Amino acid sequence: MISEMSSGMIRGLGTVVVFVAFVGLTLWVFNSKRNPEFAETRLLPFADEPQPENSTQQESATRSIRP
């Protein structure tokens, strides 16, 4: 067994660990089973915005009444 590990060996093992983590995370993110969960999560930034009660009132307020 190797009693001393060179710094190159440690860096190489670190690179392999990071690469395996990257591949695992990529597979997890692009898994089609998680699509419904991510679809709901994508809308979270807009969750605190109030929904208009009546869309016709909003449209009439933004339209000009001039002929």
N, C-alpha and C. Protein backbone atom coordinates (compact mmCIF):
# COMPACT_ATOMS: atom_id res chain seq x y z
N MET A 1 0.84 -1.17 0.00
CA MET A 1 0.00 0.00 0.00
C MET A 1 0.89 1.24 0.00
N ILE A 2 0.39 2.28 -0.54
CA ILE A 2 1.15 3.52 -0.63
C ILE A 2 1.10 4.22 0.72
N SER A 3 2.26 4.50 1.28
CA SER A 3 2.30 5.16 2.58
C SER A 3 2.22 6.68 2.44
N GLU A 4 2.65 7.17 1.30
CA GLU A 4 2.58 8.61 1.06
C GLU A 4 1.73 8.88 -0.17
N MET A 5 0.88 9.87 -0.06
CA MET A 5 0.09 10.28 -1.22
C MET A 5 0.63 11.61 -1.70
N SER A 6 0.96 11.66 -2.95
CA SER A 6 1.48 12.92 -3.49
C SER A 6 0.35 13.92 -3.66
N SER A 7 0.72 15.17 -3.77
CA SER A 7 -0.31 16.20 -3.94
C SER A 7 -1.04 16.02 -5.27
N GLY A 8 -0.35 15.50 -6.27
CA GLY A 8 -1.01 15.23 -7.56
C GLY A 8 -2.09 14.16 -7.43
N MET A 9 -1.83 13.13 -6.60
CA MET A 9 -2.80 12.07 -6.39
C MET A 9 -4.03 12.61 -5.65
N ILE A 10 -3.80 13.45 -4.66
CA ILE A 10 -4.91 14.04 -3.90
C ILE A 10 -5.75 14.93 -4.82
N ARG A 11 -5.11 15.74 -5.63
CA ARG A 11 -5.84 16.60 -6.57
C ARG A 11 -6.62 15.77 -7.58
N GLY A 12 -6.02 14.69 -8.04
CA GLY A 12 -6.71 13.81 -8.99
C GLY A 12 -7.95 13.18 -8.38
N LEU A 13 -7.83 12.71 -7.13
CA LEU A 13 -9.00 12.13 -6.45
C LEU A 13 -10.07 13.20 -6.22
N GLY A 14 -9.65 14.41 -5.89
CA GLY A 14 -10.61 15.50 -5.72
C GLY A 14 -11.35 15.80 -7.02
N THR A 15 -10.63 15.76 -8.11
CA THR A 15 -11.24 15.99 -9.42
C THR A 15 -12.26 14.91 -9.75
N VAL A 16 -11.92 13.66 -9.44
CA VAL A 16 -12.85 12.55 -9.70
C VAL A 16 -14.10 12.69 -8.85
N VAL A 17 -13.95 13.07 -7.58
CA VAL A 17 -15.11 13.24 -6.69
C VAL A 17 -16.03 14.35 -7.21
N VAL A 18 -15.45 15.47 -7.61
CA VAL A 18 -16.25 16.58 -8.13
C VAL A 18 -16.93 16.20 -9.43
N PHE A 19 -16.25 15.46 -10.29
CA PHE A 19 -16.84 15.03 -11.55
C PHE A 19 -18.02 14.08 -11.32
N VAL A 20 -17.86 13.14 -10.40
CA VAL A 20 -18.95 12.21 -10.09
C VAL A 20 -20.15 12.97 -9.51
N ALA A 21 -19.88 13.95 -8.65
CA ALA A 21 -20.97 14.76 -8.09
C ALA A 21 -21.66 15.56 -9.18
N PHE A 22 -20.92 16.10 -10.13
CA PHE A 22 -21.50 16.86 -11.23
C PHE A 22 -22.39 15.97 -12.10
N VAL A 23 -21.92 14.79 -12.44
CA VAL A 23 -22.71 13.87 -13.26
C VAL A 23 -23.97 13.46 -12.51
N GLY A 24 -23.85 13.16 -11.22
CA GLY A 24 -25.02 12.78 -10.42
C GLY A 24 -26.05 13.89 -10.33
N LEU A 25 -25.60 15.11 -10.11
CA LEU A 25 -26.51 16.25 -10.03
C LEU A 25 -27.18 16.51 -11.38
N THR A 26 -26.43 16.38 -12.45
CA THR A 26 -26.99 16.58 -13.79
C THR A 26 -28.08 15.55 -14.08
N LEU A 27 -27.82 14.30 -13.75
CA LEU A 27 -28.83 13.26 -13.96
C LEU A 27 -30.07 13.49 -13.10
N TRP A 28 -29.87 13.98 -11.88
CA TRP A 28 -31.00 14.24 -11.00
C TRP A 28 -31.86 15.39 -11.53
N VAL A 29 -31.21 16.46 -12.00
CA VAL A 29 -31.95 17.63 -12.48
C VAL A 29 -32.73 17.32 -13.75
N PHE A 30 -32.12 16.59 -14.67
CA PHE A 30 -32.77 16.34 -15.95
C PHE A 30 -33.57 15.04 -15.98
N ASN A 31 -33.88 14.49 -14.81
CA ASN A 31 -34.70 13.29 -14.74
C ASN A 31 -36.15 13.68 -15.03
N SER A 32 -36.79 12.98 -15.95
CA SER A 32 -38.15 13.34 -16.35
C SER A 32 -39.17 13.09 -15.25
N LYS A 33 -38.86 12.26 -14.27
CA LYS A 33 -39.80 12.01 -13.17
C LYS A 33 -39.95 13.23 -12.28
N ARG A 34 -38.97 14.10 -12.25
CA ARG A 34 -39.01 15.27 -11.39
C ARG A 34 -39.60 16.49 -12.08
N ASN A 35 -40.01 16.37 -13.32
CA ASN A 35 -40.51 17.52 -14.08
C ASN A 35 -41.72 18.19 -13.42
N PRO A 36 -42.73 17.45 -12.93
CA PRO A 36 -43.86 18.15 -12.28
C PRO A 36 -43.44 18.95 -11.04
N GLU A 37 -42.53 18.41 -10.28
CA GLU A 37 -42.06 19.12 -9.09
C GLU A 37 -41.32 20.39 -9.47
N PHE A 38 -40.48 20.32 -10.49
CA PHE A 38 -39.74 21.49 -10.93
C PHE A 38 -40.65 22.50 -11.62
N ALA A 39 -41.71 22.05 -12.27
CA ALA A 39 -42.65 22.97 -12.91
C ALA A 39 -43.31 23.85 -11.86
N GLU A 40 -43.66 23.26 -10.73
CA GLU A 40 -44.26 24.04 -9.64
C GLU A 40 -43.22 24.98 -9.01
N THR A 41 -42.01 24.52 -8.87
CA THR A 41 -40.95 25.31 -8.25
C THR A 41 -40.56 26.50 -9.12
N ARG A 42 -40.64 26.34 -10.44
CA ARG A 42 -40.30 27.45 -11.35
C ARG A 42 -41.19 28.66 -11.13
N LEU A 43 -42.40 28.45 -10.65
CA LEU A 43 -43.35 29.55 -10.47
C LEU A 43 -43.26 30.22 -9.10
N LEU A 44 -42.40 29.74 -8.21
CA LEU A 44 -42.30 30.30 -6.87
C LEU A 44 -41.97 31.80 -6.84
N PRO A 45 -41.13 32.34 -7.72
CA PRO A 45 -40.87 33.79 -7.65
C PRO A 45 -42.12 34.64 -7.89
N PHE A 46 -43.12 34.09 -8.52
CA PHE A 46 -44.33 34.84 -8.81
C PHE A 46 -45.45 34.54 -7.82
N ALA A 47 -45.19 33.75 -6.80
CA ALA A 47 -46.23 33.33 -5.87
C ALA A 47 -46.75 34.48 -5.02
N ASP A 48 -45.94 35.50 -4.74
CA ASP A 48 -46.39 36.58 -3.88
C ASP A 48 -47.10 37.70 -4.63
N GLU A 49 -47.18 37.61 -5.94
CA GLU A 49 -47.87 38.63 -6.72
C GLU A 49 -49.37 38.38 -6.66
N PRO A 50 -50.16 39.41 -6.35
CA PRO A 50 -51.61 39.20 -6.29
C PRO A 50 -52.18 38.98 -7.69
N GLN A 51 -53.12 38.08 -7.76
CA GLN A 51 -53.79 37.79 -9.02
C GLN A 51 -54.90 38.81 -9.25
N PRO A 52 -55.07 39.30 -10.47
CA PRO A 52 -56.17 40.26 -10.73
C PRO A 52 -57.51 39.56 -10.57
N GLU A 53 -58.44 40.26 -9.92
CA GLU A 53 -59.75 39.67 -9.67
C GLU A 53 -60.57 39.58 -10.95
N ASN A 54 -60.53 40.65 -11.73
CA ASN A 54 -61.31 40.68 -12.95
C ASN A 54 -60.42 41.23 -14.06
N SER A 55 -60.19 40.42 -15.07
CA SER A 55 -59.27 40.85 -16.13
C SER A 55 -59.85 41.97 -16.98
N THR A 56 -61.17 42.10 -17.04
CA THR A 56 -61.76 43.17 -17.86
C THR A 56 -61.52 44.53 -17.22
N GLN A 57 -61.51 44.62 -15.91
CA GLN A 57 -61.24 45.90 -15.25
C GLN A 57 -59.80 46.31 -15.51
N GLN A 58 -58.90 45.37 -15.49
CA GLN A 58 -57.50 45.69 -15.73
C GLN A 58 -57.30 46.14 -17.18
N GLU A 59 -57.96 45.49 -18.12
CA GLU A 59 -57.82 45.87 -19.53
C GLU A 59 -58.39 47.26 -19.78
N SER A 60 -59.54 47.56 -19.18
CA SER A 60 -60.14 48.87 -19.41
C SER A 60 -59.32 49.99 -18.78
N ALA A 61 -58.61 49.69 -17.71
CA ALA A 61 -57.80 50.70 -17.07
C ALA A 61 -56.56 51.03 -17.90
N THR A 62 -56.10 50.11 -18.69
CA THR A 62 -54.89 50.36 -19.46
C THR A 62 -55.20 50.85 -20.88
N ARG A 63 -56.42 50.72 -21.33
CA ARG A 63 -56.78 51.15 -22.69
C ARG A 63 -57.23 52.60 -22.68
N SER A 64 -56.95 53.25 -23.76
CA SER A 64 -57.40 54.62 -23.90
C SER A 64 -58.86 54.63 -24.36
N ILE A 65 -59.62 55.62 -23.88
CA ILE A 65 -61.03 55.72 -24.28
C ILE A 65 -61.21 56.71 -25.43
N ARG A 66 -60.12 57.25 -25.92
CA ARG A 66 -60.22 58.20 -27.05
C ARG A 66 -60.54 57.45 -28.32
N PRO A 67 -61.31 58.10 -29.23
CA PRO A 67 -61.65 57.44 -30.49
C PRO A 67 -60.49 57.37 -31.45
